[in-house]
Amino acid sequence: MLYLLLFSLSLISQLTVTRGSSGFGFSLSDQTPVGICHVDSDSSAERAGLRVGDRIIEVQGEDLSNADMKHVAAIIRLVIIT
């Protein structure tokens, strides 16, 4: 499971996204903080409430508010492996 702390529309929310058969179901955008640029329809990310435009500020308890997209993607890949 992927634990995300997000910033969206002046709100901070915590979501848990379960990995589906084809992944988590979202794509990252190269911004700081890293944003969500796509959420697959009927994916676990969509069901968890992840939305385009959300900004990732924490993954698995690690502060990523100033991290670049490569670092955030690497942390998410570590979650997939473990």
C-alpha atoms as a PDB file:
ATOM      1  CA  MET A   1       0.000   0.000   0.000  1.00  0.00           C
ATOM      2  CA  LEU A   2       1.061   3.524  -0.761  1.00  0.00           C
ATOM      3  CA  TYR A   3       0.433   6.174   1.905  1.00  0.00           C
ATOM      4  CA  LEU A   4       0.255   9.700   0.453  1.00  0.00           C
ATOM      5  CA  LEU A   5      -0.108  13.084   2.095  1.00  0.00           C
ATOM      6  CA  LEU A   6      -1.501  15.502  -0.494  1.00  0.00           C
ATOM      7  CA  PHE A   7      -2.087  19.208  -0.857  1.00  0.00           C
ATOM      8  CA  SER A   8      -5.070  20.134  -3.018  1.00  0.00           C
ATOM      9  CA  LEU A   9      -7.153  23.299  -3.170  1.00  0.00           C
ATOM     10  CA  SER A  10      -5.827  24.576   0.172  1.00  0.00           C
ATOM     11  CA  LEU A  11      -6.624  21.256   1.861  1.00  0.00           C
ATOM     12  CA  ILE A  12      -4.242  18.602   3.105  1.00  0.00           C
ATOM     13  CA  SER A  13      -5.485  15.037   2.945  1.00  0.00           C
ATOM     14  CA  GLN A  14      -4.028  11.610   3.556  1.00  0.00           C
ATOM     15  CA  LEU A  15      -4.833   8.801   1.141  1.00  0.00           C
ATOM     16  CA  THR A  16      -3.996   5.131   0.994  1.00  0.00           C
ATOM     17  CA  VAL A  17      -3.696   3.725  -2.518  1.00  0.00           C
ATOM     18  CA  THR A  18      -3.562  -0.030  -3.049  1.00  0.00           C
ATOM     19  CA  ARG A  19      -1.556  -1.277  -6.010  1.00  0.00           C
ATOM     20  CA  GLY A  20      -3.804  -2.833  -8.647  1.00  0.00           C
ATOM     21  CA  SER A  21      -2.867  -5.340 -11.347  1.00  0.00           C
ATOM     22  CA  SER A  22      -1.607  -2.536 -13.595  1.00  0.00           C
ATOM     23  CA  GLY A  23      -0.056  -0.338 -10.896  1.00  0.00           C
ATOM     24  CA  PHE A  24      -1.443   2.443  -8.734  1.00  0.00           C
ATOM     25  CA  GLY A  25      -3.210   4.175 -11.615  1.00  0.00           C
ATOM     26  CA  PHE A  26      -1.703   7.667 -11.676  1.00  0.00           C
ATOM     27  CA  SER A  27       1.053   9.643 -13.390  1.00  0.00           C
ATOM     28  CA  LEU A  28       3.349  12.287 -11.914  1.00  0.00           C
ATOM     29  CA  SER A  29       4.029  15.769 -13.255  1.00  0.00           C
ATOM     30  CA  ASP A  30       7.390  17.482 -12.977  1.00  0.00           C
ATOM     31  CA  GLN A  31       6.583  20.265 -10.505  1.00  0.00           C
ATOM     32  CA  THR A  32       7.613  21.115  -6.967  1.00  0.00           C
ATOM     33  CA  PRO A  33       5.928  19.748  -5.031  1.00  0.00           C
ATOM     34  CA  VAL A  34       5.387  16.913  -7.496  1.00  0.00           C
ATOM     35  CA  GLY A  35       1.849  16.826  -8.815  1.00  0.00           C
ATOM     36  CA  ILE A  36      -0.584  14.318 -10.238  1.00  0.00           C
ATOM     37  CA  CYS A  37      -1.116  14.873 -13.978  1.00  0.00           C
ATOM     38  CA  HIS A  38      -3.288  11.817 -14.757  1.00  0.00           C
ATOM     39  CA  VAL A  39      -5.502   9.392 -12.830  1.00  0.00           C
ATOM     40  CA  ASP A  40      -6.691   6.259 -14.623  1.00  0.00           C
ATOM     41  CA  SER A  41     -10.434   5.709 -14.701  1.00  0.00           C
ATOM     42  CA  ASP A  42     -11.629   2.984 -12.326  1.00  0.00           C
ATOM     43  CA  SER A  43      -8.147   2.650 -10.812  1.00  0.00           C
ATOM     44  CA  SER A  44      -7.259   2.216  -7.171  1.00  0.00           C
ATOM     45  CA  ALA A  45      -5.939   5.806  -7.212  1.00  0.00           C
ATOM     46  CA  GLU A  46      -9.305   7.124  -8.410  1.00  0.00           C
ATOM     47  CA  ARG A  47     -11.192   5.023  -5.853  1.00  0.00           C
ATOM     48  CA  ALA A  48      -8.919   6.383  -3.094  1.00  0.00           C
ATOM     49  CA  GLY A  49      -9.769   9.953  -4.121  1.00  0.00           C
ATOM     50  CA  LEU A  50      -6.580  10.994  -5.932  1.00  0.00           C
ATOM     51  CA  ARG A  51      -7.263  13.824  -8.402  1.00  0.00           C
ATOM     52  CA  VAL A  52      -5.393  15.587 -11.194  1.00  0.00           C
ATOM     53  CA  GLY A  53      -3.727  18.650  -9.711  1.00  0.00           C
ATOM     54  CA  ASP A  54      -3.090  17.124  -6.278  1.00  0.00           C
ATOM     55  CA  ARG A  55       0.446  17.741  -5.003  1.00  0.00           C
ATOM     56  CA  ILE A  56       2.387  15.024  -3.194  1.00  0.00           C
ATOM     57  CA  ILE A  57       4.027  16.328  -0.043  1.00  0.00           C
ATOM     58  CA  GLU A  58       4.705  13.031   1.731  1.00  0.00           C
ATOM     59  CA  VAL A  59       5.002   9.345   0.806  1.00  0.00           C
ATOM     60  CA  GLN A  60       5.224   6.593   3.441  1.00  0.00           C
ATOM     61  CA  GLY A  61       5.964   9.258   6.056  1.00  0.00           C
ATOM     62  CA  GLU A  62       8.892  10.787   4.122  1.00  0.00           C
ATOM     63  CA  ASP A  63       8.671  14.547   3.476  1.00  0.00           C
ATOM     64  CA  LEU A  64       8.854  15.036  -0.300  1.00  0.00           C
ATOM     65  CA  SER A  65       7.525  18.594  -0.479  1.00  0.00           C
ATOM     66  CA  ASN A  66      10.792  19.815  -2.056  1.00  0.00           C
ATOM     67  CA  ALA A  67      11.716  16.630  -3.945  1.00  0.00           C
ATOM     68  CA  ASP A  68      11.906  16.395  -7.716  1.00  0.00           C
ATOM     69  CA  MET A  69       9.845  13.959  -9.776  1.00  0.00           C
ATOM     70  CA  LYS A  70      12.682  11.413 -10.129  1.00  0.00           C
ATOM     71  CA  HIS A  71      13.061  11.163  -6.359  1.00  0.00           C
ATOM     72  CA  VAL A  72       9.311  10.816  -5.754  1.00  0.00           C
ATOM     73  CA  ALA A  73       9.079   8.136  -8.458  1.00  0.00           C
ATOM     74  CA  ALA A  74      12.008   6.269  -6.876  1.00  0.00           C
ATOM     75  CA  ILE A  75      10.296   6.278  -3.476  1.00  0.00           C
ATOM     76  CA  ILE A  76       7.065   4.962  -5.033  1.00  0.00           C
ATOM     77  CA  ARG A  77       9.036   2.221  -6.842  1.00  0.00           C
ATOM     78  CA  LEU A  78      10.564   1.203  -3.476  1.00  0.00           C
ATOM     79  CA  VAL A  79       7.031   0.781  -2.108  1.00  0.00           C
ATOM     80  CA  ILE A  80       6.220  -1.528  -5.028  1.00  0.00           C
ATOM     81  CA  ILE A  81       9.311  -3.672  -4.351  1.00  0.00           C
ATOM     82  CA  THR A  82       8.774  -3.992  -0.603  1.00  0.00           C
END
